C-alpha atoms as a PDB file:
ATOM      1  CA  UNK A   1       0.000   0.000   0.000  1.00  0.00           C
ATOM      2  CA  UNK A   2       1.368   3.386  -0.985  1.00  0.00           C
ATOM      3  CA  UNK A   3       1.372   6.170   1.607  1.00  0.00           C
ATOM      4  CA  UNK A   4       2.514   9.779   1.452  1.00  0.00           C
ATOM      5  CA  UNK A   5       4.857  10.399   4.374  1.00  0.00           C
ATOM      6  CA  UNK A   6       6.065  13.794   5.604  1.00  0.00           C
ATOM      7  CA  UNK A   7       9.613  13.263   6.803  1.00  0.00           C
ATOM      8  CA  UNK A   8      11.457  15.020   9.635  1.00  0.00           C
ATOM      9  CA  UNK A   9      13.115  17.296   7.067  1.00  0.00           C
ATOM     10  CA  UNK A  10       9.681  18.570   6.001  1.00  0.00           C
ATOM     11  CA  UNK A  11       9.644  16.919   2.565  1.00  0.00           C
ATOM     12  CA  UNK A  12       6.849  14.601   1.513  1.00  0.00           C
ATOM     13  CA  UNK A  13       7.620  11.320  -0.209  1.00  0.00           C
ATOM     14  CA  UNK A  14       5.559   8.349  -1.394  1.00  0.00           C
ATOM     15  CA  UNK A  15       6.455   4.995   0.162  1.00  0.00           C
ATOM     16  CA  UNK A  16       5.127   1.557  -0.658  1.00  0.00           C
ATOM     17  CA  UNK A  17       4.514  -0.155   2.683  1.00  0.00           C
ATOM     18  CA  UNK A  18       3.848  -3.883   2.945  1.00  0.00           C
ATOM     19  CA  UNK A  19       2.867  -6.247   5.729  1.00  0.00           C
ATOM     20  CA  UNK A  20       0.045  -6.254   8.223  1.00  0.00           C
ATOM     21  CA  UNK A  21      -1.711  -3.004   9.067  1.00  0.00           C
ATOM     22  CA  UNK A  22       0.170  -2.757  12.371  1.00  0.00           C
ATOM     23  CA  UNK A  23       3.491  -3.223  10.544  1.00  0.00           C
ATOM     24  CA  UNK A  24       2.567  -0.561   8.011  1.00  0.00           C
ATOM     25  CA  UNK A  25       1.606   1.865  10.793  1.00  0.00           C
ATOM     26  CA  UNK A  26       4.850   1.190  12.641  1.00  0.00           C
ATOM     27  CA  UNK A  27       6.909   1.745   9.464  1.00  0.00           C
ATOM     28  CA  UNK A  28       4.979   4.944   8.642  1.00  0.00           C
ATOM     29  CA  UNK A  29       5.618   6.341  12.140  1.00  0.00           C
ATOM     30  CA  UNK A  30       9.290   5.496  11.878  1.00  0.00           C
ATOM     31  CA  UNK A  31       9.589   7.124   8.445  1.00  0.00           C
ATOM     32  CA  UNK A  32       8.278  10.407   9.873  1.00  0.00           C
ATOM     33  CA  UNK A  33      11.342  10.511  12.143  1.00  0.00           C
ATOM     34  CA  UNK A  34      13.818  10.112   9.247  1.00  0.00           C
ATOM     35  CA  UNK A  35      14.960  12.374   6.430  1.00  0.00           C
ATOM     36  CA  UNK A  36      13.640  11.926   2.901  1.00  0.00           C
ATOM     37  CA  UNK A  37      15.845  10.108   0.411  1.00  0.00           C
ATOM     38  CA  UNK A  38      17.170  13.240  -1.314  1.00  0.00           C
ATOM     39  CA  UNK A  39      18.052  14.956   1.999  1.00  0.00           C
ATOM     40  CA  UNK A  40      19.726  11.774   3.233  1.00  0.00           C
ATOM     41  CA  UNK A  41      21.824  11.466   0.060  1.00  0.00           C
ATOM     42  CA  UNK A  42      22.764  15.154   0.127  1.00  0.00           C
ATOM     43  CA  UNK A  43      23.846  14.904   3.765  1.00  0.00           C
ATOM     44  CA  UNK A  44      25.862  11.755   3.055  1.00  0.00           C
ATOM     45  CA  UNK A  45      27.648  13.322   0.062  1.00  0.00           C
ATOM     46  CA  UNK A  46      28.478  16.421   2.105  1.00  0.00           C
ATOM     47  CA  UNK A  47      29.886  14.317   4.934  1.00  0.00           C
ATOM     48  CA  UNK A  48      32.022  12.294   2.495  1.00  0.00           C
ATOM     49  CA  UNK A  49      33.318  15.467   0.820  1.00  0.00           C
ATOM     50  CA  UNK A  50      34.186  16.981   4.212  1.00  0.00           C
ATOM     51  CA  UNK A  51      36.026  13.806   5.248  1.00  0.00           C
ATOM     52  CA  UNK A  52      37.919  13.682   1.944  1.00  0.00           C
ATOM     53  CA  UNK A  53      38.930  17.322   2.330  1.00  0.00           C
ATOM     54  CA  UNK A  54      40.080  16.763   5.918  1.00  0.00           C
ATOM     55  CA  UNK A  55      42.046  13.639   4.944  1.00  0.00           C
ATOM     56  CA  UNK A  56      43.599  15.394   1.957  1.00  0.00           C
ATOM     57  CA  UNK A  57      44.785  18.249   4.151  1.00  0.00           C
ATOM     58  CA  UNK A  58      46.257  15.817   6.693  1.00  0.00           C
ATOM     59  CA  UNK A  59      48.426  14.081   4.087  1.00  0.00           C
ATOM     60  CA  UNK A  60      49.139  16.985   1.725  1.00  0.00           C
ATOM     61  CA  UNK A  61      52.739  17.141   2.937  1.00  0.00           C
ATOM     62  CA  UNK A  62      53.480  13.511   1.969  1.00  0.00           C
ATOM     63  CA  UNK A  63      53.967  14.012  -1.811  1.00  0.00           C
ATOM     64  CA  UNK A  64      52.458  10.633  -2.698  1.00  0.00           C
ATOM     65  CA  UNK A  65      53.187   8.862  -6.002  1.00  0.00           C
ATOM     66  CA  UNK A  66      50.215   8.484  -8.386  1.00  0.00           C
ATOM     67  CA  UNK A  67      48.158   5.318  -8.206  1.00  0.00           C
ATOM     68  CA  UNK A  68      47.912   2.821 -11.052  1.00  0.00           C
ATOM     69  CA  UNK A  69      44.837   0.904 -12.175  1.00  0.00           C
ATOM     70  CA  UNK A  70      41.609   1.570 -13.996  1.00  0.00           C
ATOM     71  CA  UNK A  71      40.068   5.027 -13.779  1.00  0.00           C
ATOM     72  CA  UNK A  72      37.397   3.852 -11.338  1.00  0.00           C
ATOM     73  CA  UNK A  73      39.920   1.961  -9.198  1.00  0.00           C
ATOM     74  CA  UNK A  74      42.203   4.981  -8.983  1.00  0.00           C
ATOM     75  CA  UNK A  75      39.316   7.285  -8.024  1.00  0.00           C
ATOM     76  CA  UNK A  76      38.172   4.938  -5.247  1.00  0.00           C
ATOM     77  CA  UNK A  77      41.657   3.997  -4.059  1.00  0.00           C
ATOM     78  CA  UNK A  78      42.681   7.663  -3.857  1.00  0.00           C
ATOM     79  CA  UNK A  79      40.033   8.290  -1.194  1.00  0.00           C
ATOM     80  CA  UNK A  80      40.853   5.021   0.582  1.00  0.00           C
ATOM     81  CA  UNK A  81      44.586   5.791   0.639  1.00  0.00           C
ATOM     82  CA  UNK A  82      44.006   9.361   1.843  1.00  0.00           C
ATOM     83  CA  UNK A  83      41.718   8.164   4.626  1.00  0.00           C
ATOM     84  CA  UNK A  84      44.033   5.383   5.769  1.00  0.00           C
ATOM     85  CA  UNK A  85      47.216   7.459   5.642  1.00  0.00           C
ATOM     86  CA  UNK A  86      45.501  10.336   7.464  1.00  0.00           C
ATOM     87  CA  UNK A  87      44.534   7.887  10.209  1.00  0.00           C
ATOM     88  CA  UNK A  88      48.115   6.624  10.382  1.00  0.00           C
ATOM     89  CA  UNK A  89      49.516  10.157  10.520  1.00  0.00           C
ATOM     90  CA  UNK A  90      47.172  10.883  13.422  1.00  0.00           C
ATOM     91  CA  UNK A  91      48.522   7.874  15.359  1.00  0.00           C
ATOM     92  CA  UNK A  92      51.506   8.471  17.609  1.00  0.00           C
ATOM     93  CA  UNK A  93      54.780   7.272  16.018  1.00  0.00           C
ATOM     94  CA  UNK A  94      53.039   5.803  12.938  1.00  0.00           C
ATOM     95  CA  UNK A  95      54.475   8.453  10.637  1.00  0.00           C
ATOM     96  CA  UNK A  96      58.073   7.583  11.564  1.00  0.00           C
ATOM     97  CA  UNK A  97      58.068   3.848  10.902  1.00  0.00           C
ATOM     98  CA  UNK A  98      59.481   1.972   7.939  1.00  0.00           C
ATOM     99  CA  UNK A  99      56.091   0.323   7.481  1.00  0.00           C
ATOM    100  CA  UNK A 100      54.468   3.726   7.047  1.00  0.00           C
ATOM    101  CA  UNK A 101      56.956   4.508   4.281  1.00  0.00           C
ATOM    102  CA  UNK A 102      56.081   1.155   2.692  1.00  0.00           C
ATOM    103  CA  UNK A 103      52.416   2.220   2.687  1.00  0.00           C
ATOM    104  CA  UNK A 104      53.346   5.474   1.003  1.00  0.00           C
ATOM    105  CA  UNK A 105      55.215   3.593  -1.711  1.00  0.00           C
ATOM    106  CA  UNK A 106      52.322   1.336  -2.731  1.00  0.00           C
ATOM    107  CA  UNK A 107      50.871   2.615  -5.999  1.00  0.00           C
ATOM    108  CA  UNK A 108      48.553  -0.255  -6.933  1.00  0.00           C
ATOM    109  CA  UNK A 109      44.963   0.990  -6.604  1.00  0.00           C
ATOM    110  CA  UNK A 110      43.683  -2.584  -6.268  1.00  0.00           C
ATOM    111  CA  UNK A 111      45.923  -3.141  -3.230  1.00  0.00           C
ATOM    112  CA  UNK A 112      44.417  -0.147  -1.422  1.00  0.00           C
ATOM    113  CA  UNK A 113      40.870  -1.244  -2.243  1.00  0.00           C
ATOM    114  CA  UNK A 114      41.500  -4.848  -1.184  1.00  0.00           C
ATOM    115  CA  UNK A 115      43.044  -3.780   2.144  1.00  0.00           C
ATOM    116  CA  UNK A 116      40.706  -0.872   2.980  1.00  0.00           C
ATOM    117  CA  UNK A 117      39.081  -2.619   5.959  1.00  0.00           C
ATOM    118  CA  UNK A 118      42.244  -3.784   7.743  1.00  0.00           C
ATOM    119  CA  UNK A 119      43.181  -2.414  11.145  1.00  0.00           C
ATOM    120  CA  UNK A 120      46.053   0.070  11.034  1.00  0.00           C
ATOM    121  CA  UNK A 121      48.606  -2.375  12.435  1.00  0.00           C
ATOM    122  CA  UNK A 122      47.529  -5.065   9.953  1.00  0.00           C
ATOM    123  CA  UNK A 123      47.648  -2.566   7.081  1.00  0.00           C
ATOM    124  CA  UNK A 124      51.192  -1.590   8.008  1.00  0.00           C
ATOM    125  CA  UNK A 125      52.252  -5.239   8.232  1.00  0.00           C
ATOM    126  CA  UNK A 126      50.711  -6.074   4.834  1.00  0.00           C
ATOM    127  CA  UNK A 127      52.367  -3.049   3.255  1.00  0.00           C
ATOM    128  CA  UNK A 128      55.745  -4.005   4.637  1.00  0.00           C
ATOM    129  CA  UNK A 129      55.365  -7.595   3.414  1.00  0.00           C
ATOM    130  CA  UNK A 130      54.036  -6.769  -0.051  1.00  0.00           C
ATOM    131  CA  UNK A 131      56.437  -4.051  -1.132  1.00  0.00           C
ATOM    132  CA  UNK A 132      59.084  -4.959  -3.697  1.00  0.00           C
ATOM    133  CA  UNK A 133      62.372  -3.048  -3.199  1.00  0.00           C
ATOM    134  CA  UNK A 134      63.014  -2.693  -6.954  1.00  0.00           C
ATOM    135  CA  UNK A 135      59.789  -0.748  -7.482  1.00  0.00           C
ATOM    136  CA  UNK A 136      60.268   1.838  -4.750  1.00  0.00           C
ATOM    137  CA  UNK A 137      61.287   5.373  -5.681  1.00  0.00           C
ATOM    138  CA  UNK A 138      64.536   6.396  -3.973  1.00  0.00           C
ATOM    139  CA  UNK A 139      62.872   8.987  -1.739  1.00  0.00           C
ATOM    140  CA  UNK A 140      60.463   6.352  -0.390  1.00  0.00           C
ATOM    141  CA  UNK A 141      62.986   3.529  -0.113  1.00  0.00           C
ATOM    142  CA  UNK A 142      62.903   1.122   2.812  1.00  0.00           C
ATOM    143  CA  UNK A 143      66.213   0.207   4.426  1.00  0.00           C
ATOM    144  CA  UNK A 144      67.614  -3.105   3.163  1.00  0.00           C
ATOM    145  CA  UNK A 145      67.620  -4.577   6.680  1.00  0.00           C
ATOM    146  CA  UNK A 146      63.848  -5.074   6.420  1.00  0.00           C
ATOM    147  CA  UNK A 147      64.190  -7.287   3.356  1.00  0.00           C
ATOM    148  CA  UNK A 148      66.951  -9.573   4.652  1.00  0.00           C
ATOM    149  CA  UNK A 149      64.455 -12.072   6.074  1.00  0.00           C
ATOM    150  CA  UNK A 150      62.969 -12.869   2.641  1.00  0.00           C
END
């Protein structure tokens, strides 16, 4: 059954509600406490843009190498990398470790996307283990002592 609901933001939107009458009433009451779809999406996009701006400012000093991959991968991985590196910069002593420099050196967009949900310590460990010394620019190089175990 379709009902016109006035949301908390003041906008009216049509919703198709299913179930028993009591379930429909409950859902309709709940919908009046939420924002309409367009307000929700606008708020979400604004929050993501603010976060991206904040993360970009936090890592602007790092002079990161460009990412490689498809256009969509690079666009997504750029935000993931900025977010993750900003979080690492905010951690005490994370910006001074060899593992942090390994993270900076990773240019594969797919790697950043695949590892986006790891905890910071796990991300640093994966970066340190997956970096190949021959592919690292000189300014981001990791000391050879880290690669002696392999």
